[in-house]
């Protein structure tokens, strides 16, 4: 009997590991987190060109808000620093799509407006076009999954991290019991 339980546990573990690997390979969504922060010791900077406000980026899909998790340590460090002031922490999910089909995240805050577009053609890229307190940061860069990427402006900075958003795998513990099973369990406990 003990060996049957052990074999069952091994089989269940193997199924779970296989499911996790398959889910990661099949993940079609990204989780994106962005920190925007002020440099408290900026050099004297003025925009040297004719200023143009950020232009909307094509957006053919949706984003959805997610709970922040990847950049919490960096956000904490920024909040403790006297050199920087954390202004915004954005976290969202989006489909992993090529440029023309991907979502554009609209940033509309009191002192910051613009767009952030993460997309995957053959590689992963981000386009950032932000106006923060009258200063503009516009950049396109190739990203690597699960790495922090820093975008620098003398007056402010942006830290971004993108990872695969894994689908939630339901386990037997997650599934609620139906009301008949709950009633039977309560009846058994009361009869004892």
Protein backbone atom coordinates (compact mmCIF):
# COMPACT_ATOMS: atom_id res chain seq x y z
CA UNK A 1 0.00 0.00 0.00
CA UNK A 2 2.79 2.42 0.89
CA UNK A 3 4.49 1.86 -2.47
CA UNK A 4 1.21 2.54 -4.31
CA UNK A 5 0.89 5.90 -2.52
CA UNK A 6 4.51 6.72 -3.32
CA UNK A 7 4.03 5.80 -6.98
CA UNK A 8 0.84 7.89 -7.11
CA UNK A 9 2.68 10.89 -5.61
CA UNK A 10 5.50 10.51 -8.16
CA UNK A 11 3.02 10.29 -11.04
CA UNK A 12 1.11 13.34 -9.79
CA UNK A 13 4.38 15.27 -9.41
CA UNK A 14 5.47 14.28 -12.93
CA UNK A 15 2.11 15.38 -14.35
CA UNK A 16 2.35 18.73 -12.53
CA UNK A 17 5.92 19.38 -13.75
CA UNK A 18 4.97 18.42 -17.31
CA UNK A 19 1.93 20.70 -17.15
CA UNK A 20 4.03 23.62 -15.90
CA UNK A 21 6.60 23.14 -18.66
CA UNK A 22 3.89 22.86 -21.30
CA UNK A 23 2.09 25.92 -19.93
CA UNK A 24 5.28 27.98 -20.07
CA UNK A 25 5.99 26.87 -23.62
CA UNK A 26 2.43 27.71 -24.66
CA UNK A 27 2.16 31.02 -22.79
CA UNK A 28 0.91 33.61 -25.24
CA UNK A 29 0.69 36.57 -22.90
CA UNK A 30 3.21 38.95 -21.36
CA UNK A 31 3.28 40.58 -17.97
CA UNK A 32 4.79 44.05 -18.22
CA UNK A 33 5.90 46.17 -15.27
CA UNK A 34 7.18 49.73 -15.50
CA UNK A 35 8.61 52.08 -12.88
CA UNK A 36 8.85 55.77 -13.68
CA UNK A 37 10.96 57.88 -11.34
CA UNK A 38 12.39 61.40 -11.06
CA UNK A 39 16.10 62.11 -10.76
CA UNK A 40 16.36 64.41 -7.71
CA UNK A 41 19.84 65.63 -8.75
CA UNK A 42 19.40 66.37 -12.45
CA UNK A 43 21.81 68.37 -14.50
CA UNK A 44 20.41 71.50 -16.08
CA UNK A 45 18.54 70.15 -19.04
CA UNK A 46 16.33 71.77 -21.59
CA UNK A 47 14.81 70.22 -24.65
CA UNK A 48 17.15 71.35 -27.45
CA UNK A 49 14.79 70.54 -30.31
CA UNK A 50 11.34 71.71 -31.27
CA UNK A 51 9.22 69.83 -28.78
CA UNK A 52 6.63 67.42 -30.17
CA UNK A 53 4.17 65.69 -27.87
CA UNK A 54 4.10 61.86 -27.84
CA UNK A 55 2.13 60.42 -30.73
CA UNK A 56 -0.42 57.66 -30.19
CA UNK A 57 0.80 54.22 -31.22
CA UNK A 58 -1.45 51.83 -33.09
CA UNK A 59 -3.20 49.49 -30.68
CA UNK A 60 -5.12 46.53 -32.06
CA UNK A 61 -5.53 44.53 -28.87
CA UNK A 62 -6.23 45.09 -25.18
CA UNK A 63 -4.19 45.34 -22.00
CA UNK A 64 -5.45 44.39 -18.55
CA UNK A 65 -4.27 45.55 -15.15
CA UNK A 66 -2.25 43.12 -13.04
CA UNK A 67 -0.94 43.14 -9.50
CA UNK A 68 2.74 44.26 -9.44
CA UNK A 69 5.26 41.60 -8.45
CA UNK A 70 8.49 41.69 -10.47
CA UNK A 71 9.86 45.16 -9.64
CA UNK A 72 8.76 45.46 -6.01
CA UNK A 73 12.37 45.37 -4.76
CA UNK A 74 13.43 48.08 -7.21
CA UNK A 75 10.41 50.20 -6.25
CA UNK A 76 11.31 49.82 -2.57
CA UNK A 77 14.94 50.83 -3.27
CA UNK A 78 13.79 53.91 -5.21
CA UNK A 79 11.47 54.95 -2.39
CA UNK A 80 14.34 54.69 0.13
CA UNK A 81 16.77 56.61 -2.08
CA UNK A 82 17.37 60.33 -1.66
CA UNK A 83 18.53 60.54 -5.30
CA UNK A 84 15.27 59.37 -6.87
CA UNK A 85 11.53 59.74 -6.34
CA UNK A 86 9.23 56.99 -7.54
CA UNK A 87 6.38 58.59 -9.49
CA UNK A 88 4.44 55.67 -11.00
CA UNK A 89 4.35 51.87 -10.94
CA UNK A 90 2.42 50.32 -13.83
CA UNK A 91 1.69 46.63 -14.22
CA UNK A 92 -0.36 45.05 -16.99
CA UNK A 93 -0.91 41.95 -19.08
CA UNK A 94 -1.12 41.78 -22.84
CA UNK A 95 -1.08 39.28 -25.67
CA UNK A 96 2.27 38.41 -27.24
CA UNK A 97 1.67 39.81 -30.71
CA UNK A 98 3.64 41.43 -33.53
CA UNK A 99 3.86 45.23 -33.80
CA UNK A 100 0.78 45.83 -35.96
CA UNK A 101 -1.43 43.64 -33.75
CA UNK A 102 -0.05 44.37 -30.29
CA UNK A 103 -1.52 46.58 -27.59
CA UNK A 104 -0.32 50.05 -26.73
CA UNK A 105 -0.43 50.94 -23.02
CA UNK A 106 -1.66 54.51 -22.57
CA UNK A 107 -0.05 56.42 -19.73
CA UNK A 108 -2.31 59.18 -18.51
CA UNK A 109 -1.14 60.49 -15.16
CA UNK A 110 -1.03 63.96 -13.63
CA UNK A 111 2.55 64.73 -14.78
CA UNK A 112 3.12 61.96 -17.30
CA UNK A 113 1.43 61.21 -20.61
CA UNK A 114 2.41 58.93 -23.45
CA UNK A 115 2.52 55.37 -24.68
CA UNK A 116 4.41 52.14 -24.08
CA UNK A 117 4.16 49.37 -26.67
CA UNK A 118 5.63 45.90 -26.07
CA UNK A 119 5.57 43.58 -29.07
CA UNK A 120 7.19 40.45 -30.42
CA UNK A 121 8.06 40.21 -34.09
CA UNK A 122 10.90 37.70 -34.31
CA UNK A 123 12.36 39.27 -31.13
CA UNK A 124 10.87 41.17 -28.19
CA UNK A 125 10.82 44.99 -28.44
CA UNK A 126 9.47 48.01 -26.60
CA UNK A 127 8.65 51.46 -27.93
CA UNK A 128 8.46 54.14 -25.26
CA UNK A 129 7.21 57.65 -25.95
CA UNK A 130 6.58 59.58 -22.74
CA UNK A 131 6.23 63.21 -21.73
CA UNK A 132 7.12 63.65 -18.06
CA UNK A 133 6.88 67.18 -16.65
CA UNK A 134 7.55 68.68 -20.08
CA UNK A 135 10.51 66.44 -20.91
CA UNK A 136 10.23 63.71 -23.52
CA UNK A 137 11.70 60.23 -23.66
CA UNK A 138 11.23 58.44 -26.95
CA UNK A 139 13.07 55.20 -27.57
CA UNK A 140 12.77 51.79 -29.24
CA UNK A 141 14.78 48.93 -27.79
CA UNK A 142 15.10 45.18 -28.01
CA UNK A 143 14.27 43.44 -24.72
CA UNK A 144 15.05 40.10 -23.18
CA UNK A 145 12.41 38.31 -21.14
CA UNK A 146 12.79 38.46 -17.35
CA UNK A 147 15.53 41.12 -17.45
CA UNK A 148 15.32 44.67 -16.13
CA UNK A 149 15.85 47.37 -18.76
CA UNK A 150 16.67 50.98 -17.85
CA UNK A 151 15.74 53.97 -20.02
CA UNK A 152 17.53 57.15 -19.01
CA UNK A 153 16.73 60.82 -19.34
CA UNK A 154 18.64 63.45 -17.32
CA UNK A 155 15.41 64.41 -15.51
CA UNK A 156 13.76 61.00 -15.08
CA UNK A 157 14.13 57.30 -15.70
CA UNK A 158 12.07 54.29 -16.66
CA UNK A 159 12.68 50.71 -15.54
CA UNK A 160 10.82 47.96 -17.40
CA UNK A 161 10.63 44.20 -17.09
CA UNK A 162 8.65 41.79 -19.26
CA UNK A 163 7.97 38.13 -18.49
CA UNK A 164 5.68 35.40 -19.75
CA UNK A 165 2.31 35.42 -18.08
CA UNK A 166 1.60 31.81 -17.21
CA UNK A 167 -1.96 30.57 -17.18
CA UNK A 168 -3.25 29.51 -13.78
CA UNK A 169 -3.28 25.74 -13.45
CA UNK A 170 -6.20 24.58 -11.35
CA UNK A 171 -5.55 21.86 -8.82
CA UNK A 172 -8.03 19.73 -6.96
CA UNK A 173 -7.47 21.93 -3.90
CA UNK A 174 -8.51 25.03 -5.90
CA UNK A 175 -11.78 23.51 -7.10
CA UNK A 176 -14.70 24.27 -4.81
CA UNK A 177 -16.67 21.31 -3.62
CA UNK A 178 -20.24 21.18 -4.79
CA UNK A 179 -22.91 21.84 -2.18
CA UNK A 180 -23.93 18.14 -1.88
CA UNK A 181 -20.38 17.13 -0.97
CA UNK A 182 -20.14 20.00 1.52
CA UNK A 183 -23.48 19.01 3.09
CA UNK A 184 -22.37 15.35 3.33
CA UNK A 185 -19.12 16.39 4.99
CA UNK A 186 -20.98 18.58 7.50
CA UNK A 187 -23.44 15.73 8.22
CA UNK A 188 -20.60 13.27 8.82
CA UNK A 189 -18.84 15.69 11.18
CA UNK A 190 -22.05 16.31 13.17
CA UNK A 191 -22.78 12.59 13.51
CA UNK A 192 -19.38 11.97 15.10
